[in-house]
Amino acid sequence: MNEVTYSKKAAKQLRKLQPSDSKAVRCECNKLANMPECANVKALSNHEYRYRLRVGNFRVFFDFDGAAHIVSIEEVKKRDERTY
């Protein structure tokens, strides 16, 4: 099992979402404790963060340190043309 942590920026972005959207995103983020056996996760190249989790119309950008067993949620963004 991995520990899932949220950056200050990600926590602030989650607070700004509608309560139902925030709950859905948090629920999917908690499933990242089973990383790397997770659905809807894609490794990114040429991006600030190493991984992306797809949750409906939202994208969760995060880094994963397998040696330390830590998943660090960095950003939560609504999917649009400026997301990537």
PDB file of N, CA and C in Angstrom:
ATOM      1  N   MET A   1       0.829  -1.189   0.000  1.00  0.00           N
ATOM      2  CA  MET A   1       0.000   0.000   0.000  1.00  0.00           C
ATOM      3  C   MET A   1       0.873   1.251   0.000  1.00  0.00           C
ATOM      4  N   ASN A   2       0.429   2.227  -0.714  1.00  0.00           N
ATOM      5  CA  ASN A   2       1.125   3.502  -0.799  1.00  0.00           C
ATOM      6  C   ASN A   2       0.367   4.559  -0.011  1.00  0.00           C
ATOM      7  N   GLU A   3       1.088   5.573   0.410  1.00  0.00           N
ATOM      8  CA  GLU A   3       0.467   6.710   1.090  1.00  0.00           C
ATOM      9  C   GLU A   3       0.122   7.758   0.036  1.00  0.00           C
ATOM     10  N   VAL A   4      -1.110   8.266   0.083  1.00  0.00           N
ATOM     11  CA  VAL A   4      -1.563   9.293  -0.851  1.00  0.00           C
ATOM     12  C   VAL A   4      -1.546  10.637  -0.129  1.00  0.00           C
ATOM     13  N   THR A   5      -0.770  11.591  -0.671  1.00  0.00           N
ATOM     14  CA  THR A   5      -0.678  12.925  -0.078  1.00  0.00           C
ATOM     15  C   THR A   5      -1.127  13.964  -1.104  1.00  0.00           C
ATOM     16  N   TYR A   6      -1.600  15.095  -0.608  1.00  0.00           N
ATOM     17  CA  TYR A   6      -2.067  16.187  -1.463  1.00  0.00           C
ATOM     18  C   TYR A   6      -1.191  17.416  -1.240  1.00  0.00           C
ATOM     19  N   SER A   7      -0.785  18.068  -2.330  1.00  0.00           N
ATOM     20  CA  SER A   7      -0.070  19.336  -2.207  1.00  0.00           C
ATOM     21  C   SER A   7      -1.073  20.415  -1.798  1.00  0.00           C
ATOM     22  N   LYS A   8      -0.576  21.548  -1.339  1.00  0.00           N
ATOM     23  CA  LYS A   8      -1.462  22.661  -0.974  1.00  0.00           C
ATOM     24  C   LYS A   8      -2.277  23.120  -2.179  1.00  0.00           C
ATOM     25  N   LYS A   9      -1.641  23.140  -3.332  1.00  0.00           N
ATOM     26  CA  LYS A   9      -2.311  23.573  -4.556  1.00  0.00           C
ATOM     27  C   LYS A   9      -3.456  22.625  -4.913  1.00  0.00           C
ATOM     28  N   ALA A  10      -3.222  21.322  -4.829  1.00  0.00           N
ATOM     29  CA  ALA A  10      -4.248  20.341  -5.156  1.00  0.00           C
ATOM     30  C   ALA A  10      -5.404  20.406  -4.157  1.00  0.00           C
ATOM     31  N   ALA A  11      -5.095  20.565  -2.878  1.00  0.00           N
ATOM     32  CA  ALA A  11      -6.142  20.662  -1.858  1.00  0.00           C
ATOM     33  C   ALA A  11      -7.026  21.890  -2.107  1.00  0.00           C
ATOM     34  N   LYS A  12      -6.416  22.997  -2.495  1.00  0.00           N
ATOM     35  CA  LYS A  12      -7.172  24.220  -2.782  1.00  0.00           C
ATOM     36  C   LYS A  12      -8.055  24.027  -4.012  1.00  0.00           C
ATOM     37  N   GLN A  13      -7.526  23.371  -5.030  1.00  0.00           N
ATOM     38  CA  GLN A  13      -8.302  23.125  -6.238  1.00  0.00           C
ATOM     39  C   GLN A  13      -9.493  22.205  -5.948  1.00  0.00           C
ATOM     40  N   LEU A  14      -9.298  21.217  -5.074  1.00  0.00           N
ATOM     41  CA  LEU A  14     -10.399  20.322  -4.697  1.00  0.00           C
ATOM     42  C   LEU A  14     -11.494  21.060  -3.941  1.00  0.00           C
ATOM     43  N   ARG A  15     -11.108  21.997  -3.073  1.00  0.00           N
ATOM     44  CA  ARG A  15     -12.096  22.760  -2.315  1.00  0.00           C
ATOM     45  C   ARG A  15     -12.965  23.629  -3.213  1.00  0.00           C
ATOM     46  N   LYS A  16     -12.433  24.045  -4.361  1.00  0.00           N
ATOM     47  CA  LYS A  16     -13.173  24.901  -5.284  1.00  0.00           C
ATOM     48  C   LYS A  16     -14.187  24.136  -6.130  1.00  0.00           C
ATOM     49  N   LEU A  17     -14.080  22.814  -6.182  1.00  0.00           N
ATOM     50  CA  LEU A  17     -14.996  22.009  -6.988  1.00  0.00           C
ATOM     51  C   LEU A  17     -16.355  21.873  -6.303  1.00  0.00           C
ATOM     52  N   GLN A  18     -17.349  21.509  -7.081  1.00  0.00           N
ATOM     53  CA  GLN A  18     -18.646  21.174  -6.524  1.00  0.00           C
ATOM     54  C   GLN A  18     -18.469  19.986  -5.577  1.00  0.00           C
ATOM     55  N   PRO A  19     -19.237  19.911  -4.496  1.00  0.00           N
ATOM     56  CA  PRO A  19     -19.063  18.807  -3.532  1.00  0.00           C
ATOM     57  C   PRO A  19     -19.136  17.413  -4.149  1.00  0.00           C
ATOM     58  N   SER A  20     -20.035  17.200  -5.098  1.00  0.00           N
ATOM     59  CA  SER A  20     -20.144  15.873  -5.722  1.00  0.00           C
ATOM     60  C   SER A  20     -18.905  15.554  -6.560  1.00  0.00           C
ATOM     61  N   ASP A  21     -18.378  16.558  -7.275  1.00  0.00           N
ATOM     62  CA  ASP A  21     -17.172  16.360  -8.079  1.00  0.00           C
ATOM     63  C   ASP A  21     -15.971  16.122  -7.177  1.00  0.00           C
ATOM     64  N   SER A  22     -15.875  16.888  -6.108  1.00  0.00           N
ATOM     65  CA  SER A  22     -14.764  16.743  -5.171  1.00  0.00           C
ATOM     66  C   SER A  22     -14.750  15.350  -4.554  1.00  0.00           C
ATOM     67  N   LYS A  23     -15.917  14.864  -4.191  1.00  0.00           N
ATOM     68  CA  LYS A  23     -16.017  13.529  -3.593  1.00  0.00           C
ATOM     69  C   LYS A  23     -15.580  12.453  -4.582  1.00  0.00           C
ATOM     70  N   ALA A  24     -16.006  12.571  -5.838  1.00  0.00           N
ATOM     71  CA  ALA A  24     -15.632  11.599  -6.865  1.00  0.00           C
ATOM     72  C   ALA A  24     -14.126  11.594  -7.103  1.00  0.00           C
ATOM     73  N   VAL A  25     -13.531  12.784  -7.164  1.00  0.00           N
ATOM     74  CA  VAL A  25     -12.091  12.881  -7.389  1.00  0.00           C
ATOM     75  C   VAL A  25     -11.327  12.303  -6.198  1.00  0.00           C
ATOM     76  N   ARG A  26     -11.743  12.638  -4.991  1.00  0.00           N
ATOM     77  CA  ARG A  26     -11.066  12.099  -3.795  1.00  0.00           C
ATOM     78  C   ARG A  26     -11.169  10.576  -3.723  1.00  0.00           C
ATOM     79  N   CYS A  27     -12.331  10.050  -4.075  1.00  0.00           N
ATOM     80  CA  CYS A  27     -12.528   8.598  -4.057  1.00  0.00           C
ATOM     81  C   CYS A  27     -11.559   7.908  -5.025  1.00  0.00           C
ATOM     82  N   GLU A  28     -11.428   8.446  -6.228  1.00  0.00           N
ATOM     83  CA  GLU A  28     -10.507   7.871  -7.206  1.00  0.00           C
ATOM     84  C   GLU A  28      -9.051   8.056  -6.782  1.00  0.00           C
ATOM     85  N   CYS A  29      -8.742   9.186  -6.156  1.00  0.00           N
ATOM     86  CA  CYS A  29      -7.373   9.421  -5.685  1.00  0.00           C
ATOM     87  C   CYS A  29      -6.993   8.423  -4.594  1.00  0.00           C
ATOM     88  N   ASN A  30      -7.955   8.066  -3.752  1.00  0.00           N
ATOM     89  CA  ASN A  30      -7.672   7.092  -2.701  1.00  0.00           C
ATOM     90  C   ASN A  30      -7.338   5.720  -3.273  1.00  0.00           C
ATOM     91  N   LYS A  31      -7.842   5.429  -4.457  1.00  0.00           N
ATOM     92  CA  LYS A  31      -7.527   4.157  -5.117  1.00  0.00           C
ATOM     93  C   LYS A  31      -6.074   4.104  -5.592  1.00  0.00           C
ATOM     94  N   LEU A  32      -5.419   5.268  -5.651  1.00  0.00           N
ATOM     95  CA  LEU A  32      -4.018   5.306  -6.061  1.00  0.00           C
ATOM     96  C   LEU A  32      -3.100   4.666  -5.019  1.00  0.00           C
ATOM     97  N   ALA A  33      -3.632   4.338  -3.862  1.00  0.00           N
ATOM     98  CA  ALA A  33      -2.836   3.639  -2.851  1.00  0.00           C
ATOM     99  C   ALA A  33      -2.382   2.284  -3.384  1.00  0.00           C
ATOM    100  N   ASN A  34      -3.068   1.759  -4.394  1.00  0.00           N
ATOM    101  CA  ASN A  34      -2.708   0.478  -4.997  1.00  0.00           C
ATOM    102  C   ASN A  34      -1.803   0.641  -6.217  1.00  0.00           C
ATOM    103  N   MET A  35      -1.245   1.806  -6.414  1.00  0.00           N
ATOM    104  CA  MET A  35      -0.370   2.097  -7.548  1.00  0.00           C
ATOM    105  C   MET A  35       0.742   1.069  -7.572  1.00  0.00           C
ATOM    106  N   PRO A  36       1.132   0.492  -8.658  1.00  0.00           N
ATOM    107  CA  PRO A  36       0.849   0.827 -10.050  1.00  0.00           C
ATOM    108  C   PRO A  36      -0.313   0.061 -10.673  1.00  0.00           C
ATOM    109  N   GLU A  37      -1.063  -0.741  -9.929  1.00  0.00           N
ATOM    110  CA  GLU A  37      -2.202  -1.479 -10.478  1.00  0.00           C
ATOM    111  C   GLU A  37      -3.474  -0.655 -10.391  1.00  0.00           C
ATOM    112  N   CYS A  38      -3.539   0.450 -11.105  1.00  0.00           N
ATOM    113  CA  CYS A  38      -4.697   1.356 -11.066  1.00  0.00           C
ATOM    114  C   CYS A  38      -5.243   1.566 -12.471  1.00  0.00           C
ATOM    115  N   ALA A  39      -6.560   1.755 -12.546  1.00  0.00           N
ATOM    116  CA  ALA A  39      -7.203   2.038 -13.833  1.00  0.00           C
ATOM    117  C   ALA A  39      -7.177   3.541 -14.100  1.00  0.00           C
ATOM    118  N   ASN A  40      -7.254   3.904 -15.365  1.00  0.00           N
ATOM    119  CA  ASN A  40      -7.335   5.302 -15.817  1.00  0.00           C
ATOM    120  C   ASN A  40      -6.087   6.112 -15.490  1.00  0.00           C
ATOM    121  N   VAL A  41      -4.949   5.455 -15.332  1.00  0.00           N
ATOM    122  CA  VAL A  41      -3.683   6.145 -15.062  1.00  0.00           C
ATOM    123  C   VAL A  41      -2.806   6.032 -16.301  1.00  0.00           C
ATOM    124  N   LYS A  42      -2.198   7.139 -16.665  1.00  0.00           N
ATOM    125  CA  LYS A  42      -1.315   7.152 -17.827  1.00  0.00           C
ATOM    126  C   LYS A  42      -0.020   7.851 -17.458  1.00  0.00           C
ATOM    127  N   ALA A  43       1.089   7.272 -17.861  1.00  0.00           N
ATOM    128  CA  ALA A  43       2.388   7.913 -17.678  1.00  0.00           C
ATOM    129  C   ALA A  43       2.513   9.015 -18.723  1.00  0.00           C
ATOM    130  N   LEU A  44       2.989  10.170 -18.307  1.00  0.00           N
ATOM    131  CA  LEU A  44       3.132  11.310 -19.210  1.00  0.00           C
ATOM    132  C   LEU A  44       4.596  11.529 -19.574  1.00  0.00           C
ATOM    133  N   SER A  45       4.821  11.998 -20.783  1.00  0.00           N
ATOM    134  CA  SER A  45       6.168  12.373 -21.192  1.00  0.00           C
ATOM    135  C   SER A  45       6.141  13.851 -21.560  1.00  0.00           C
ATOM    136  N   ASN A  46       7.243  14.527 -21.356  1.00  0.00           N
ATOM    137  CA  ASN A  46       7.353  15.958 -21.626  1.00  0.00           C
ATOM    138  C   ASN A  46       6.294  16.760 -20.884  1.00  0.00           C
ATOM    139  N   HIS A  47       6.080  16.427 -19.625  1.00  0.00           N
ATOM    140  CA  HIS A  47       5.109  17.123 -18.790  1.00  0.00           C
ATOM    141  C   HIS A  47       5.733  17.343 -17.420  1.00  0.00           C
ATOM    142  N   GLU A  48       5.227  18.330 -16.713  1.00  0.00           N
ATOM    143  CA  GLU A  48       5.756  18.677 -15.389  1.00  0.00           C
ATOM    144  C   GLU A  48       5.620  17.522 -14.391  1.00  0.00           C
ATOM    145  N   TYR A  49       4.542  16.762 -14.510  1.00  0.00           N
ATOM    146  CA  TYR A  49       4.290  15.645 -13.600  1.00  0.00           C
ATOM    147  C   TYR A  49       4.396  14.333 -14.360  1.00  0.00           C
ATOM    148  N   ARG A  50       4.627  13.243 -13.637  1.00  0.00           N
ATOM    149  CA  ARG A  50       4.909  11.964 -14.295  1.00  0.00           C
ATOM    150  C   ARG A  50       3.668  11.161 -14.661  1.00  0.00           C
ATOM    151  N   TYR A  51       2.541  11.374 -13.961  1.00  0.00           N
ATOM    152  CA  TYR A  51       1.352  10.567 -14.213  1.00  0.00           C
ATOM    153  C   TYR A  51       0.095  11.423 -14.243  1.00  0.00           C
ATOM    154  N   ARG A  52      -0.951  10.864 -14.896  1.00  0.00           N
ATOM    155  CA  ARG A  52      -2.245  11.512 -14.991  1.00  0.00           C
ATOM    156  C   ARG A  52      -3.317  10.483 -14.667  1.00  0.00           C
ATOM    157  N   LEU A  53      -4.278  10.866 -13.826  1.00  0.00           N
ATOM    158  CA  LEU A  53      -5.436  10.044 -13.518  1.00  0.00           C
ATOM    159  C   LEU A  53      -6.657  10.726 -14.115  1.00  0.00           C
ATOM    160  N   ARG A  54      -7.465   9.971 -14.849  1.00  0.00           N
ATOM    161  CA  ARG A  54      -8.666  10.512 -15.474  1.00  0.00           C
ATOM    162  C   ARG A  54      -9.866  10.199 -14.586  1.00  0.00           C
ATOM    163  N   VAL A  55     -10.604  11.248 -14.184  1.00  0.00           N
ATOM    164  CA  VAL A  55     -11.812  11.099 -13.373  1.00  0.00           C
ATOM    165  C   VAL A  55     -12.902  11.939 -14.041  1.00  0.00           C
ATOM    166  N   GLY A  56     -13.694  11.332 -14.897  1.00  0.00           N
ATOM    167  CA  GLY A  56     -14.741  12.064 -15.609  1.00  0.00           C
ATOM    168  C   GLY A  56     -14.153  13.214 -16.408  1.00  0.00           C
ATOM    169  N   ASN A  57     -14.623  14.437 -16.154  1.00  0.00           N
ATOM    170  CA  ASN A  57     -14.121  15.629 -16.850  1.00  0.00           C
ATOM    171  C   ASN A  57     -12.915  16.247 -16.159  1.00  0.00           C
ATOM    172  N   PHE A  58     -12.361  15.566 -15.160  1.00  0.00           N
ATOM    173  CA  PHE A  58     -11.237  16.109 -14.411  1.00  0.00           C
ATOM    174  C   PHE A  58      -9.989  15.270 -14.630  1.00  0.00           C
ATOM    175  N   ARG A  59      -8.845  15.932 -14.505  1.00  0.00           N
ATOM    176  CA  ARG A  59      -7.564  15.255 -14.608  1.00  0.00           C
ATOM    177  C   ARG A  59      -6.781  15.544 -13.334  1.00  0.00           C
ATOM    178  N   VAL A  60      -6.211  14.489 -12.767  1.00  0.00           N
ATOM    179  CA  VAL A  60      -5.418  14.600 -11.547  1.00  0.00           C
ATOM    180  C   VAL A  60      -3.977  14.295 -11.939  1.00  0.00           C
ATOM    181  N   PHE A  61      -3.095  15.258 -11.733  1.00  0.00           N
ATOM    182  CA  PHE A  61      -1.684  15.077 -12.054  1.00  0.00           C
ATOM    183  C   PHE A  61      -0.939  14.739 -10.768  1.00  0.00           C
ATOM    184  N   PHE A  62      -0.089  13.712 -10.840  1.00  0.00           N
ATOM    185  CA  PHE A  62       0.598  13.276  -9.634  1.00  0.00           C
ATOM    186  C   PHE A  62       1.942  12.652  -9.960  1.00  0.00           C
ATOM    187  N   ASP A  63       2.754  12.513  -8.925  1.00  0.00           N
ATOM    188  CA  ASP A  63       4.032  11.822  -9.005  1.00  0.00           C
ATOM    189  C   ASP A  63       3.976  10.612  -8.096  1.00  0.00           C
ATOM    190  N   PHE A  64       4.721   9.580  -8.441  1.00  0.00           N
ATOM    191  CA  PHE A  64       4.732   8.343  -7.669  1.00  0.00           C
ATOM    192  C   PHE A  64       6.172   7.958  -7.373  1.00  0.00           C
ATOM    193  N   ASP A  65       6.473   7.778  -6.099  1.00  0.00           N
ATOM    194  CA  ASP A  65       7.792   7.325  -5.668  1.00  0.00           C
ATOM    195  C   ASP A  65       7.637   5.895  -5.161  1.00  0.00           C
ATOM    196  N   GLY A  66       7.983   4.938  -5.996  1.00  0.00           N
ATOM    197  CA  GLY A  66       7.807   3.533  -5.661  1.00  0.00           C
ATOM    198  C   GLY A  66       8.673   3.076  -4.514  1.00  0.00           C
ATOM    199  N   ALA A  67       9.865   3.641  -4.386  1.00  0.00           N
ATOM    200  CA  ALA A  67      10.765   3.237  -3.303  1.00  0.00           C
ATOM    201  C   ALA A  67      10.226   3.678  -1.949  1.00  0.00           C
ATOM    202  N   ALA A  68       9.644   4.865  -1.875  1.00  0.00           N
ATOM    203  CA  ALA A  68       9.125   5.393  -0.611  1.00  0.00           C
ATOM    204  C   ALA A  68       7.637   5.087  -0.430  1.00  0.00           C
ATOM    205  N   HIS A  69       6.994   4.519  -1.453  1.00  0.00           N
ATOM    206  CA  HIS A  69       5.572   4.187  -1.422  1.00  0.00           C
ATOM    207  C   HIS A  69       4.703   5.418  -1.148  1.00  0.00           C
ATOM    208  N   ILE A  70       4.980   6.492  -1.907  1.00  0.00           N
ATOM    209  CA  ILE A  70       4.222   7.739  -1.747  1.00  0.00           C
ATOM    210  C   ILE A  70       3.674   8.176  -3.104  1.00  0.00           C
ATOM    211  N   VAL A  71       2.366   8.440  -3.135  1.00  0.00           N
ATOM    212  CA  VAL A  71       1.716   9.039  -4.292  1.00  0.00           C
ATOM    213  C   VAL A  71       1.416  10.480  -3.907  1.00  0.00           C
ATOM    214  N   SER A  72       1.999  11.419  -4.630  1.00  0.00           N
ATOM    215  CA  SER A  72       1.849  12.833  -4.306  1.00  0.00           C
ATOM    216  C   SER A  72       0.949  13.505  -5.347  1.00  0.00           C
ATOM    217  N   ILE A  73      -0.294  13.842  -4.941  1.00  0.00           N
ATOM    218  CA  ILE A  73      -1.237  14.520  -5.829  1.00  0.00           C
ATOM    219  C   ILE A  73      -0.802  15.980  -5.935  1.00  0.00           C
ATOM    220  N   GLU A  74      -0.520  16.449  -7.149  1.00  0.00           N
ATOM    221  CA  GLU A  74       0.016  17.793  -7.346  1.00  0.00           C
ATOM    222  C   GLU A  74      -1.014  18.791  -7.860  1.00  0.00           C
ATOM    223  N   GLU A  75      -1.886  18.371  -8.799  1.00  0.00           N
ATOM    224  CA  GLU A  75      -2.868  19.291  -9.368  1.00  0.00           C
ATOM    225  C   GLU A  75      -4.136  18.553  -9.756  1.00  0.00           C
ATOM    226  N   VAL A  76      -5.268  19.254  -9.669  1.00  0.00           N
ATOM    227  CA  VAL A  76      -6.566  18.748 -10.131  1.00  0.00           C
ATOM    228  C   VAL A  76      -7.118  19.812 -11.070  1.00  0.00           C
ATOM    229  N   LYS A  77      -7.372  19.428 -12.322  1.00  0.00           N
ATOM    230  CA  LYS A  77      -7.851  20.394 -13.313  1.00  0.00           C
ATOM    231  C   LYS A  77      -9.030  19.833 -14.074  1.00  0.00           C
ATOM    232  N   LYS A  78      -9.944  20.732 -14.450  1.00  0.00           N
ATOM    233  CA  LYS A  78     -11.053  20.344 -15.322  1.00  0.00           C
ATOM    234  C   LYS A  78     -10.480  20.184 -16.731  1.00  0.00           C
ATOM    235  N   ARG A  79     -10.897  19.155 -17.416  1.00  0.00           N
ATOM    236  CA  ARG A  79     -10.383  18.858 -18.743  1.00  0.00           C
ATOM    237  C   ARG A  79     -10.874  19.900 -19.737  1.00  0.00           C
ATOM    238  N   ASP A  80      -9.927  20.601 -20.384  1.00  0.00           N
ATOM    239  CA  ASP A  80     -10.214  21.529 -21.471  1.00  0.00           C
ATOM    240  C   ASP A  80      -8.970  21.655 -22.327  1.00  0.00           C
ATOM    241  N   GLU A  81      -8.967  22.580 -23.253  1.00  0.00           N
ATOM    242  CA  GLU A  81      -7.831  22.700 -24.172  1.00  0.00           C
ATOM    243  C   GLU A  81      -6.564  23.211 -23.489  1.00  0.00           C
ATOM    244  N   ARG A  82      -6.677  23.765 -22.274  1.00  0.00           N
ATOM    245  CA  ARG A  82      -5.494  24.272 -21.573  1.00  0.00           C
ATOM    246  C   ARG A  82      -4.972  23.318 -20.506  1.00  0.00           C
ATOM    247  N   THR A  83      -5.565  22.150 -20.345  1.00  0.00           N
ATOM    248  CA  THR A  83      -5.184  21.214 -19.295  1.00  0.00           C
ATOM    249  C   THR A  83      -3.757  20.715 -19.457  1.00  0.00           C
ATOM    250  N   TYR A  84      -3.382  20.339 -20.661  1.00  0.00           N
ATOM    251  CA  TYR A  84      -2.054  19.807 -20.891  1.00  0.00           C
ATOM    252  C   TYR A  84      -1.173  20.889 -21.451  1.00  0.00           C
TER     253      TYR A  84
END
